[in-house]
Amino acid sequence: MQEGEGYETNQDDMATPDRIAILLPVGVAVTMAFSTVIIQALGLMAIVRFVRNELRLGRAGVQFWWDVGIIVGATLVALAAHMVAIASWGLVFSLCGEFSQLAKAVYHSGMNYTTLGDSDNLMSPSWRLLAPLEAANGMLMFGVSTAMLFAIVLRLIQTKFSEFSIRSLNQGRRGKGRDWNDRSSSSGAE
């Protein structure tokens, strides 16, 4: 078969000696994925301590606006963790020689991490695999943040309902107790 018959060739796909092997970008991406998990875990740890403290002090699940503040605080900490992860990926892109300016590297990283894609800046073929791997990493980390926020909302709702249950149970006992005492006292007086 001659070159033009039946299949296409792409110069970017042709292996040349100066290309970086696929294992290096994959190794870099795995290292960065591990790093972003650590970054998210540190943020999650701070959020768990904060929410646990609010529950211990009895402030969580009591007032609507206080609960909104707890959720906003947790969201901001998660967002800060994502920003650190994006900046870390941007630094890696700069260190790989893909961008001469760190700001452009961080912008490109943010576009990849949020899965928006960055068609303005294409990486060299040897490092191009980092973009979809960062996107996959970003999706997973946003999933962790979403699960954490869902768990906080669920805990606040459970705390609120358990408070209502205890109040209604106590009010019901008090109400029945008064009725019972009123009956016994009225029957004894007759």
N, C-alpha and C. Protein backbone atom coordinates (compact mmCIF):
# COMPACT_ATOMS: atom_id res chain seq x y z
N MET A 1 0.84 -1.17 0.00
CA MET A 1 0.00 0.00 0.00
C MET A 1 0.88 1.23 0.00
N GLN A 2 0.56 2.18 -0.81
CA GLN A 2 1.34 3.41 -0.86
C GLN A 2 0.77 4.42 0.12
N GLU A 3 1.61 5.46 0.40
CA GLU A 3 1.20 6.44 1.39
C GLU A 3 -0.01 7.18 0.91
N GLY A 4 -0.94 7.33 0.80
CA GLY A 4 -2.10 8.03 0.34
C GLY A 4 -3.22 7.08 0.02
N GLU A 5 -2.91 5.79 -0.11
CA GLU A 5 -3.95 4.81 -0.42
C GLU A 5 -4.45 4.16 0.87
N GLY A 6 -5.68 4.42 1.24
CA GLY A 6 -6.31 3.69 2.32
C GLY A 6 -6.10 4.23 3.72
N TYR A 7 -5.08 5.00 3.94
CA TYR A 7 -4.91 5.57 5.28
C TYR A 7 -4.18 6.89 5.18
N GLU A 8 -4.39 7.68 6.23
CA GLU A 8 -3.76 9.00 6.26
C GLU A 8 -2.58 8.97 7.21
N THR A 9 -1.60 9.78 6.95
CA THR A 9 -0.48 9.92 7.88
C THR A 9 -0.53 11.31 8.47
N ASN A 10 -0.10 11.41 9.67
CA ASN A 10 -0.06 12.68 10.38
C ASN A 10 1.37 12.87 10.89
N GLN A 11 1.97 13.96 10.52
CA GLN A 11 3.36 14.20 10.92
C GLN A 11 3.52 14.24 12.43
N ASP A 12 2.48 14.72 13.17
CA ASP A 12 2.57 14.76 14.63
C ASP A 12 2.61 13.37 15.23
N ASP A 13 2.02 12.40 14.53
CA ASP A 13 1.96 11.04 15.06
C ASP A 13 3.23 10.23 14.75
N MET A 14 4.06 10.73 13.87
CA MET A 14 5.27 10.01 13.50
C MET A 14 6.27 10.08 14.65
N ALA A 15 6.82 8.96 15.02
CA ALA A 15 7.79 8.91 16.12
C ALA A 15 9.14 9.42 15.63
N THR A 16 9.71 10.35 16.38
CA THR A 16 11.05 10.85 16.11
C THR A 16 11.86 10.76 17.38
N PRO A 17 13.19 10.74 17.25
CA PRO A 17 14.03 10.56 18.44
C PRO A 17 13.89 11.67 19.47
N ASP A 18 13.54 12.88 19.06
CA ASP A 18 13.48 13.97 20.03
C ASP A 18 12.16 14.04 20.79
N ARG A 19 11.24 13.15 20.51
CA ARG A 19 9.97 13.14 21.23
C ARG A 19 10.15 12.51 22.61
N ILE A 20 9.41 13.06 23.56
CA ILE A 20 9.43 12.49 24.91
C ILE A 20 8.53 11.27 24.90
N ALA A 21 8.98 10.21 25.51
CA ALA A 21 8.19 8.97 25.55
C ALA A 21 6.87 9.20 26.27
N ILE A 22 5.91 8.38 25.97
CA ILE A 22 4.59 8.54 26.56
C ILE A 22 4.62 8.32 28.07
N LEU A 23 5.58 7.55 28.55
CA LEU A 23 5.64 7.27 29.98
C LEU A 23 5.97 8.51 30.81
N LEU A 24 6.74 9.43 30.28
CA LEU A 24 7.07 10.64 31.04
C LEU A 24 5.84 11.51 31.28
N PRO A 25 5.04 11.84 30.26
CA PRO A 25 3.83 12.62 30.53
C PRO A 25 2.85 11.88 31.45
N VAL A 26 2.73 10.57 31.28
CA VAL A 26 1.83 9.80 32.15
C VAL A 26 2.36 9.82 33.58
N GLY A 27 3.66 9.68 33.75
CA GLY A 27 4.26 9.75 35.08
C GLY A 27 4.06 11.10 35.73
N VAL A 28 4.23 12.16 34.95
CA VAL A 28 3.99 13.51 35.47
C VAL A 28 2.52 13.66 35.87
N ALA A 29 1.61 13.17 35.04
CA ALA A 29 0.18 13.29 35.32
C ALA A 29 -0.22 12.50 36.56
N VAL A 30 0.34 11.31 36.73
CA VAL A 30 0.03 10.50 37.92
C VAL A 30 0.55 11.21 39.17
N THR A 31 1.75 11.76 39.08
CA THR A 31 2.31 12.50 40.21
C THR A 31 1.44 13.71 40.55
N MET A 32 0.99 14.42 39.53
CA MET A 32 0.13 15.58 39.76
C MET A 32 -1.23 15.16 40.30
N ALA A 33 -1.77 14.06 39.83
CA ALA A 33 -3.06 13.58 40.35
C ALA A 33 -2.93 13.26 41.83
N PHE A 34 -1.83 12.59 42.20
CA PHE A 34 -1.58 12.29 43.61
C PHE A 34 -1.47 13.59 44.41
N SER A 35 -0.77 14.57 43.85
CA SER A 35 -0.61 15.86 44.53
C SER A 35 -1.94 16.56 44.72
N THR A 36 -2.80 16.53 43.71
CA THR A 36 -4.09 17.20 43.85
C THR A 36 -4.99 16.48 44.84
N VAL A 37 -4.86 15.17 44.96
CA VAL A 37 -5.61 14.44 45.99
C VAL A 37 -5.17 14.91 47.37
N ILE A 38 -3.86 15.07 47.56
CA ILE A 38 -3.34 15.57 48.84
C ILE A 38 -3.85 16.97 49.11
N ILE A 39 -3.84 17.84 48.10
CA ILE A 39 -4.34 19.21 48.25
C ILE A 39 -5.81 19.19 48.65
N GLN A 40 -6.62 18.38 47.96
CA GLN A 40 -8.04 18.29 48.30
C GLN A 40 -8.24 17.71 49.68
N ALA A 41 -7.43 16.73 50.06
CA ALA A 41 -7.56 16.11 51.39
C ALA A 41 -7.26 17.13 52.49
N LEU A 42 -6.27 17.99 52.27
CA LEU A 42 -5.97 19.02 53.26
C LEU A 42 -7.13 20.01 53.39
N GLY A 43 -7.71 20.40 52.26
CA GLY A 43 -8.88 21.27 52.30
C GLY A 43 -10.06 20.59 52.97
N LEU A 44 -10.27 19.32 52.65
CA LEU A 44 -11.37 18.56 53.24
C LEU A 44 -11.18 18.41 54.74
N MET A 45 -9.95 18.19 55.17
CA MET A 45 -9.66 18.07 56.60
C MET A 45 -10.01 19.36 57.33
N ALA A 46 -9.66 20.50 56.75
CA ALA A 46 -10.00 21.79 57.37
C ALA A 46 -11.51 21.97 57.44
N ILE A 47 -12.21 21.59 56.39
CA ILE A 47 -13.67 21.74 56.37
C ILE A 47 -14.31 20.83 57.41
N VAL A 48 -13.85 19.59 57.51
CA VAL A 48 -14.41 18.65 58.49
C VAL A 48 -14.21 19.18 59.90
N ARG A 49 -13.02 19.70 60.19
CA ARG A 49 -12.77 20.27 61.52
C ARG A 49 -13.70 21.45 61.80
N PHE A 50 -13.89 22.31 60.80
CA PHE A 50 -14.75 23.47 60.95
C PHE A 50 -16.20 23.04 61.22
N VAL A 51 -16.72 22.14 60.41
CA VAL A 51 -18.11 21.70 60.57
C VAL A 51 -18.28 20.95 61.89
N ARG A 52 -17.33 20.10 62.22
CA ARG A 52 -17.40 19.36 63.50
C ARG A 52 -17.42 20.33 64.67
N ASN A 53 -16.61 21.38 64.60
CA ASN A 53 -16.58 22.39 65.67
C ASN A 53 -17.93 23.11 65.76
N GLU A 54 -18.51 23.45 64.61
CA GLU A 54 -19.82 24.12 64.61
C GLU A 54 -20.90 23.20 65.20
N LEU A 55 -20.83 21.92 64.90
CA LEU A 55 -21.78 20.96 65.47
C LEU A 55 -21.58 20.83 66.97
N ARG A 56 -20.33 20.76 67.41
CA ARG A 56 -20.03 20.62 68.84
C ARG A 56 -20.52 21.83 69.62
N LEU A 57 -20.38 23.02 69.04
CA LEU A 57 -20.82 24.24 69.70
C LEU A 57 -22.33 24.44 69.62
N GLY A 58 -22.99 23.60 68.84
CA GLY A 58 -24.43 23.68 68.73
C GLY A 58 -24.93 24.77 67.80
N ARG A 59 -24.05 25.26 66.94
CA ARG A 59 -24.44 26.33 66.02
C ARG A 59 -24.89 25.80 64.67
N ALA A 60 -24.53 24.60 64.33
CA ALA A 60 -24.89 24.03 63.03
C ALA A 60 -26.27 23.39 63.10
N GLY A 61 -27.04 23.57 62.04
CA GLY A 61 -28.36 22.97 61.99
C GLY A 61 -29.39 23.67 62.84
N VAL A 62 -29.09 24.87 63.32
CA VAL A 62 -30.00 25.59 64.20
C VAL A 62 -30.69 26.74 63.47
N GLN A 63 -29.89 27.58 62.82
CA GLN A 63 -30.44 28.73 62.11
C GLN A 63 -30.08 28.63 60.63
N PHE A 64 -31.03 28.96 59.79
CA PHE A 64 -30.85 28.85 58.36
C PHE A 64 -29.64 29.63 57.88
N TRP A 65 -29.51 30.90 58.23
CA TRP A 65 -28.43 31.74 57.71
C TRP A 65 -27.08 31.30 58.24
N TRP A 66 -27.04 30.75 59.45
CA TRP A 66 -25.77 30.23 59.97
C TRP A 66 -25.36 29.01 59.15
N ASP A 67 -26.33 28.17 58.81
CA ASP A 67 -26.04 27.00 57.98
C ASP A 67 -25.57 27.40 56.59
N VAL A 68 -26.19 28.45 56.03
CA VAL A 68 -25.74 28.96 54.73
C VAL A 68 -24.29 29.42 54.84
N GLY A 69 -23.95 30.09 55.94
CA GLY A 69 -22.57 30.52 56.16
C GLY A 69 -21.60 29.36 56.24
N ILE A 70 -22.02 28.27 56.87
CA ILE A 70 -21.18 27.07 56.95
C ILE A 70 -20.94 26.50 55.55
N ILE A 71 -21.99 26.43 54.75
CA ILE A 71 -21.87 25.90 53.39
C ILE A 71 -21.00 26.82 52.53
N VAL A 72 -21.19 28.12 52.66
CA VAL A 72 -20.37 29.08 51.90
C VAL A 72 -18.90 28.94 52.31
N GLY A 73 -18.63 28.84 53.60
CA GLY A 73 -17.24 28.66 54.06
C GLY A 73 -16.61 27.40 53.50
N ALA A 74 -17.37 26.30 53.53
CA ALA A 74 -16.87 25.04 53.00
C ALA A 74 -16.62 25.14 51.50
N THR A 75 -17.52 25.82 50.80
CA THR A 75 -17.36 26.00 49.35
C THR A 75 -16.13 26.83 49.03
N LEU A 76 -15.88 27.87 49.80
CA LEU A 76 -14.70 28.71 49.56
C LEU A 76 -13.41 27.96 49.83
N VAL A 77 -13.39 27.14 50.86
CA VAL A 77 -12.18 26.33 51.13
C VAL A 77 -11.95 25.33 49.99
N ALA A 78 -13.03 24.70 49.51
CA ALA A 78 -12.90 23.75 48.40
C ALA A 78 -12.42 24.47 47.14
N LEU A 79 -12.96 25.67 46.89
CA LEU A 79 -12.53 26.45 45.73
C LEU A 79 -11.05 26.83 45.84
N ALA A 80 -10.63 27.20 47.04
CA ALA A 80 -9.21 27.53 47.25
C ALA A 80 -8.32 26.31 46.96
N ALA A 81 -8.77 25.13 47.38
CA ALA A 81 -8.01 23.91 47.10
C ALA A 81 -7.92 23.66 45.59
N HIS A 82 -9.02 23.90 44.88
CA HIS A 82 -8.99 23.75 43.42
C HIS A 82 -8.04 24.76 42.78
N MET A 83 -8.03 25.98 43.30
CA MET A 83 -7.13 27.01 42.75
C MET A 83 -5.67 26.61 42.96
N VAL A 84 -5.35 26.05 44.11
CA VAL A 84 -3.98 25.59 44.37
C VAL A 84 -3.63 24.46 43.40
N ALA A 85 -4.57 23.55 43.18
CA ALA A 85 -4.32 22.45 42.24
C ALA A 85 -4.10 22.97 40.82
N ILE A 86 -4.92 23.92 40.40
CA ILE A 86 -4.77 24.51 39.06
C ILE A 86 -3.42 25.20 38.93
N ALA A 87 -3.03 25.96 39.95
CA ALA A 87 -1.73 26.64 39.93
C ALA A 87 -0.59 25.62 39.89
N SER A 88 -0.75 24.51 40.59
CA SER A 88 0.28 23.46 40.58
C SER A 88 0.44 22.87 39.19
N TRP A 89 -0.67 22.57 38.54
CA TRP A 89 -0.60 22.06 37.17
C TRP A 89 0.04 23.11 36.26
N GLY A 90 -0.32 24.38 36.43
CA GLY A 90 0.27 25.45 35.63
C GLY A 90 1.77 25.54 35.81
N LEU A 91 2.22 25.36 37.05
CA LEU A 91 3.65 25.37 37.32
C LEU A 91 4.34 24.21 36.60
N VAL A 92 3.69 23.06 36.59
CA VAL A 92 4.25 21.91 35.87
C VAL A 92 4.35 22.21 34.38
N PHE A 93 3.31 22.83 33.81
CA PHE A 93 3.36 23.18 32.39
C PHE A 93 4.51 24.13 32.10
N SER A 94 4.76 25.07 33.01
CA SER A 94 5.89 25.99 32.82
C SER A 94 7.22 25.24 32.93
N LEU A 95 7.33 24.36 33.91
CA LEU A 95 8.57 23.61 34.09
C LEU A 95 8.85 22.67 32.92
N CYS A 96 7.80 22.21 32.27
CA CYS A 96 7.96 21.35 31.08
C CYS A 96 8.34 22.17 29.85
N GLY A 97 8.36 23.49 29.98
CA GLY A 97 8.74 24.34 28.87
C GLY A 97 7.62 24.64 27.90
N GLU A 98 6.38 24.39 28.29
CA GLU A 98 5.25 24.60 27.40
C GLU A 98 4.82 26.06 27.34
N PHE A 99 5.06 26.81 28.40
CA PHE A 99 4.65 28.21 28.46
C PHE A 99 5.79 29.03 29.04
N SER A 100 6.05 30.17 28.44
CA SER A 100 7.12 31.04 28.94
C SER A 100 6.63 31.90 30.10
N GLN A 101 5.34 32.15 30.17
CA GLN A 101 4.77 32.95 31.25
C GLN A 101 3.90 32.08 32.15
N LEU A 102 4.10 32.20 33.45
CA LEU A 102 3.34 31.38 34.41
C LEU A 102 1.85 31.69 34.33
N ALA A 103 1.50 32.95 34.12
CA ALA A 103 0.07 33.32 34.04
C ALA A 103 -0.63 32.59 32.91
N LYS A 104 0.01 32.48 31.76
CA LYS A 104 -0.59 31.75 30.64
C LYS A 104 -0.69 30.26 30.95
N ALA A 105 0.30 29.74 31.64
CA ALA A 105 0.28 28.32 32.01
C ALA A 105 -0.85 28.04 32.99
N VAL A 106 -1.05 28.93 33.95
CA VAL A 106 -2.13 28.75 34.93
C VAL A 106 -3.49 28.89 34.23
N TYR A 107 -3.61 29.83 33.32
CA TYR A 107 -4.86 29.98 32.56
C TYR A 107 -5.16 28.70 31.77
N HIS A 108 -4.16 28.20 31.07
CA HIS A 108 -4.33 26.96 30.31
C HIS A 108 -4.71 25.81 31.24
N SER A 109 -4.05 25.76 32.37
CA SER A 109 -4.35 24.72 33.36
C SER A 109 -5.79 24.82 33.84
N GLY A 110 -6.24 26.03 34.11
CA GLY A 110 -7.62 26.22 34.55
C GLY A 110 -8.62 25.77 33.51
N MET A 111 -8.31 26.04 32.26
CA MET A 111 -9.20 25.62 31.18
C MET A 111 -9.24 24.09 31.08
N ASN A 112 -8.10 23.44 31.27
CA ASN A 112 -8.06 21.98 31.24
C ASN A 112 -8.75 21.39 32.46
N TYR A 113 -8.42 21.88 33.65
CA TYR A 113 -8.90 21.33 34.92
C TYR A 113 -10.42 21.39 35.01
N THR A 114 -11.00 22.45 34.46
CA THR A 114 -12.45 22.60 34.50
C THR A 114 -13.13 21.96 33.29
N THR A 115 -12.37 21.32 32.45
CA THR A 115 -12.80 20.63 31.23
C THR A 115 -13.42 21.55 30.20
N LEU A 116 -13.10 22.84 30.26
CA LEU A 116 -13.56 23.76 29.22
C LEU A 116 -12.75 23.61 27.95
N GLY A 117 -11.48 23.30 28.11
CA GLY A 117 -10.59 23.18 26.96
C GLY A 117 -10.03 24.54 26.58
N ASP A 118 -8.84 24.54 26.04
CA ASP A 118 -8.17 25.79 25.66
C ASP A 118 -7.69 25.64 24.23
N SER A 119 -8.49 26.09 23.29
CA SER A 119 -8.10 25.97 21.89
C SER A 119 -7.14 27.07 21.47
N ASP A 120 -6.96 28.09 22.32
CA ASP A 120 -6.03 29.18 22.00
C ASP A 120 -4.57 28.73 22.10
N ASN A 121 -4.29 27.88 23.07
CA ASN A 121 -2.91 27.45 23.32
C ASN A 121 -2.83 25.93 23.24
N LEU A 122 -2.20 25.45 22.21
CA LEU A 122 -1.99 24.02 22.08
C LEU A 122 -0.60 23.67 22.58
N MET A 123 -0.54 22.58 23.31
CA MET A 123 0.76 22.15 23.83
C MET A 123 1.48 21.36 22.74
N SER A 124 2.78 21.24 22.92
CA SER A 124 3.57 20.49 21.94
C SER A 124 3.13 19.03 21.96
N PRO A 125 3.33 18.33 20.87
CA PRO A 125 2.88 16.93 20.79
C PRO A 125 3.45 16.05 21.90
N SER A 126 4.66 16.33 22.34
CA SER A 126 5.26 15.48 23.36
C SER A 126 4.59 15.62 24.72
N TRP A 127 3.97 16.77 25.01
CA TRP A 127 3.33 16.99 26.30
C TRP A 127 1.81 17.11 26.18
N ARG A 128 1.27 16.96 25.00
CA ARG A 128 -0.15 17.18 24.77
C ARG A 128 -1.04 16.25 25.60
N LEU A 129 -0.55 15.08 25.94
CA LEU A 129 -1.32 14.11 26.73
C LEU A 129 -1.65 14.65 28.13
N LEU A 130 -0.88 15.62 28.62
CA LEU A 130 -1.15 16.17 29.95
C LEU A 130 -2.52 16.86 30.01
N ALA A 131 -2.96 17.46 28.93
CA ALA A 131 -4.23 18.21 28.95
C ALA A 131 -5.44 17.32 29.29
N PRO A 132 -5.66 16.21 28.57
CA PRO A 132 -6.81 15.38 28.95
C PRO A 132 -6.64 14.70 30.30
N LEU A 133 -5.40 14.40 30.68
CA LEU A 133 -5.19 13.80 31.99
C LEU A 133 -5.49 14.80 33.10
N GLU A 134 -5.16 16.07 32.88
CA GLU A 134 -5.52 17.09 33.87
C GLU A 134 -7.03 17.26 33.92
N ALA A 135 -7.69 17.20 32.78
CA ALA A 135 -9.15 17.32 32.75
C ALA A 135 -9.80 16.18 33.54
N ALA A 136 -9.31 14.97 33.37
CA ALA A 136 -9.84 13.83 34.13
C ALA A 136 -9.60 14.03 35.62
N ASN A 137 -8.42 14.52 35.96
CA ASN A 137 -8.09 14.79 37.35
C ASN A 137 -9.02 15.86 37.93
N GLY A 138 -9.26 16.91 37.16
CA GLY A 138 -10.15 17.97 37.62
C GLY A 138 -11.57 17.47 37.85
N MET A 139 -12.07 16.64 36.93
CA MET A 139 -13.42 16.10 37.10
C MET A 139 -13.51 15.29 38.39
N LEU A 140 -12.50 14.48 38.65
CA LEU A 140 -12.51 13.67 39.87
C LEU A 140 -12.46 14.54 41.12
N MET A 141 -11.64 15.59 41.10
CA MET A 141 -11.53 16.46 42.26
C MET A 141 -12.80 17.28 42.48
N PHE A 142 -13.46 17.70 41.39
CA PHE A 142 -14.74 18.38 41.55
C PHE A 142 -15.79 17.42 42.10
N GLY A 143 -15.68 16.15 41.75
CA GLY A 143 -16.57 15.15 42.32
C GLY A 143 -16.38 15.00 43.82
N VAL A 144 -15.12 15.04 44.26
CA VAL A 144 -14.82 14.97 45.69
C VAL A 144 -15.43 16.18 46.40
N SER A 145 -15.27 17.37 45.82
CA SER A 145 -15.83 18.58 46.42
C SER A 145 -17.35 18.52 46.48
N THR A 146 -17.96 18.03 45.42
CA THR A 146 -19.42 17.92 45.39
C THR A 146 -19.91 16.95 46.46
N ALA A 147 -19.24 15.83 46.59
CA ALA A 147 -19.61 14.85 47.61
C ALA A 147 -19.46 15.44 49.01
N MET A 148 -18.40 16.22 49.22
CA MET A 148 -18.18 16.84 50.53
C MET A 148 -19.28 17.84 50.84
N LEU A 149 -19.63 18.69 49.87
CA LEU A 149 -20.70 19.66 50.10
C LEU A 149 -22.04 18.97 50.33
N PHE A 150 -22.30 17.90 49.59
CA PHE A 150 -23.52 17.14 49.79
C PHE A 150 -23.55 16.55 51.20
N ALA A 151 -22.44 16.02 51.67
CA ALA A 151 -22.37 15.44 53.02
C ALA A 151 -22.62 16.51 54.08
N ILE A 152 -22.10 17.70 53.87
CA ILE A 152 -22.32 18.79 54.84
C ILE A 152 -23.80 19.18 54.87
N VAL A 153 -24.39 19.36 53.71
CA VAL A 153 -25.82 19.72 53.65
C VAL A 153 -26.65 18.63 54.31
N LEU A 154 -26.34 17.37 54.02
CA LEU A 154 -27.06 16.26 54.62
C LEU A 154 -26.93 16.28 56.14
N ARG A 155 -25.73 16.52 56.64
CA ARG A 155 -25.50 16.57 58.09
C ARG A 155 -26.26 17.73 58.73
N LEU A 156 -26.28 18.87 58.07
CA LEU A 156 -27.03 20.01 58.61
C LEU A 156 -28.52 19.71 58.65
N ILE A 157 -29.02 19.06 57.61
CA ILE A 157 -30.45 18.70 57.59
C ILE A 157 -30.75 17.67 58.67
N GLN A 158 -29.90 16.67 58.82
CA GLN A 158 -30.10 15.67 59.86
C GLN A 158 -30.10 16.31 61.25
N THR A 159 -29.17 17.25 61.46
CA THR A 159 -29.11 17.94 62.74
C THR A 159 -30.39 18.74 62.98
N LYS A 160 -30.87 19.41 61.95
CA LYS A 160 -32.10 20.20 62.06
C LYS A 160 -33.28 19.30 62.38
N PHE A 161 -33.41 18.18 61.66
CA PHE A 161 -34.55 17.29 61.90
C PHE A 161 -34.44 16.59 63.24
N SER A 162 -33.24 16.24 63.67
CA SER A 162 -33.11 15.60 64.98
C SER A 162 -33.48 16.60 66.07
N GLU A 163 -33.19 17.87 65.85
CA GLU A 163 -33.58 18.91 66.81
C GLU A 163 -35.10 19.01 66.87
N PHE A 164 -35.76 19.00 65.71
CA PHE A 164 -37.22 19.04 65.67
C PHE A 164 -37.81 17.81 66.33
N SER A 165 -37.22 16.65 66.08
CA SER A 165 -37.73 15.41 66.65
C SER A 165 -37.63 15.43 68.16
N ILE A 166 -36.51 15.89 68.68
CA ILE A 166 -36.32 15.95 70.13
C ILE A 166 -37.29 16.95 70.74
N ARG A 167 -37.45 18.12 70.10
CA ARG A 167 -38.40 19.13 70.61
C ARG A 167 -39.82 18.59 70.62
N SER A 168 -40.23 18.00 69.50
CA SER A 168 -41.61 17.51 69.42
C SER A 168 -41.81 16.36 70.39
N LEU A 169 -40.81 15.51 70.57
CA LEU A 169 -40.91 14.41 71.51
C LEU A 169 -41.02 14.95 72.93
N ASN A 170 -40.17 15.93 73.27
CA ASN A 170 -40.23 16.52 74.61
C ASN A 170 -41.54 17.26 74.84
N GLN A 171 -42.02 17.99 73.84
CA GLN A 171 -43.28 18.70 73.98
C GLN A 171 -44.43 17.70 74.12
N GLY A 172 -44.36 16.63 73.40
CA GLY A 172 -45.40 15.60 73.49
C GLY A 172 -45.42 14.97 74.87
N ARG A 173 -44.28 14.69 75.46
CA ARG A 173 -44.21 14.11 76.80
C ARG A 173 -44.74 15.10 77.82
N ARG A 174 -44.31 16.36 77.67
CA ARG A 174 -44.77 17.37 78.61
C ARG A 174 -46.28 17.54 78.50
N GLY A 175 -46.75 17.55 77.27
CA GLY A 175 -48.19 17.70 77.06
C GLY A 175 -48.97 16.55 77.67
N LYS A 176 -48.51 15.33 77.46
CA LYS A 176 -49.18 14.16 78.01
C LYS A 176 -49.06 14.14 79.52
N GLY A 177 -47.89 14.54 80.00
CA GLY A 177 -47.69 14.56 81.45
C GLY A 177 -48.64 15.54 82.11
N ARG A 178 -48.85 16.69 81.54
CA ARG A 178 -49.77 17.67 82.11
C ARG A 178 -51.18 17.13 82.06
N ASP A 179 -51.53 16.53 80.94
CA ASP A 179 -52.87 15.98 80.84
C ASP A 179 -53.08 14.88 81.88
N TRP A 180 -52.09 14.02 82.06
CA TRP A 180 -52.21 12.93 83.02
C TRP A 180 -52.30 13.49 84.42
N ASN A 181 -51.45 14.48 84.73
CA ASN A 181 -51.49 15.08 86.06
C ASN A 181 -52.80 15.82 86.27
N ASP A 182 -53.26 16.51 85.23
CA ASP A 182 -54.53 17.22 85.38
C ASP A 182 -55.65 16.25 85.63
N ARG A 183 -55.66 15.11 84.99
CA ARG A 183 -56.72 14.14 85.18
C ARG A 183 -56.65 13.53 86.57
N SER A 184 -55.39 13.19 86.96
CA SER A 184 -55.27 12.55 88.27
C SER A 184 -55.62 13.53 89.38
N SER A 185 -55.22 14.78 89.21
CA SER A 185 -55.53 15.76 90.25
C SER A 185 -57.02 16.07 90.25
N SER A 186 -57.62 16.10 89.06
CA SER A 186 -59.05 16.40 89.02
C SER A 186 -59.86 15.21 89.54
N SER A 187 -59.39 13.97 89.27
CA SER A 187 -60.13 12.83 89.75
C SER A 187 -59.96 12.65 91.26
N GLY A 188 -58.79 13.07 91.77
CA GLY A 188 -58.56 12.97 93.22
C GLY A 188 -59.34 14.03 93.97
N ALA A 189 -59.65 15.14 93.32
CA ALA A 189 -60.34 16.23 94.00
C ALA A 189 -61.83 15.99 94.05
N GLU A 190 -62.31 15.10 93.19
CA GLU A 190 -63.74 14.89 93.16
C GLU A 190 -64.22 14.12 94.29
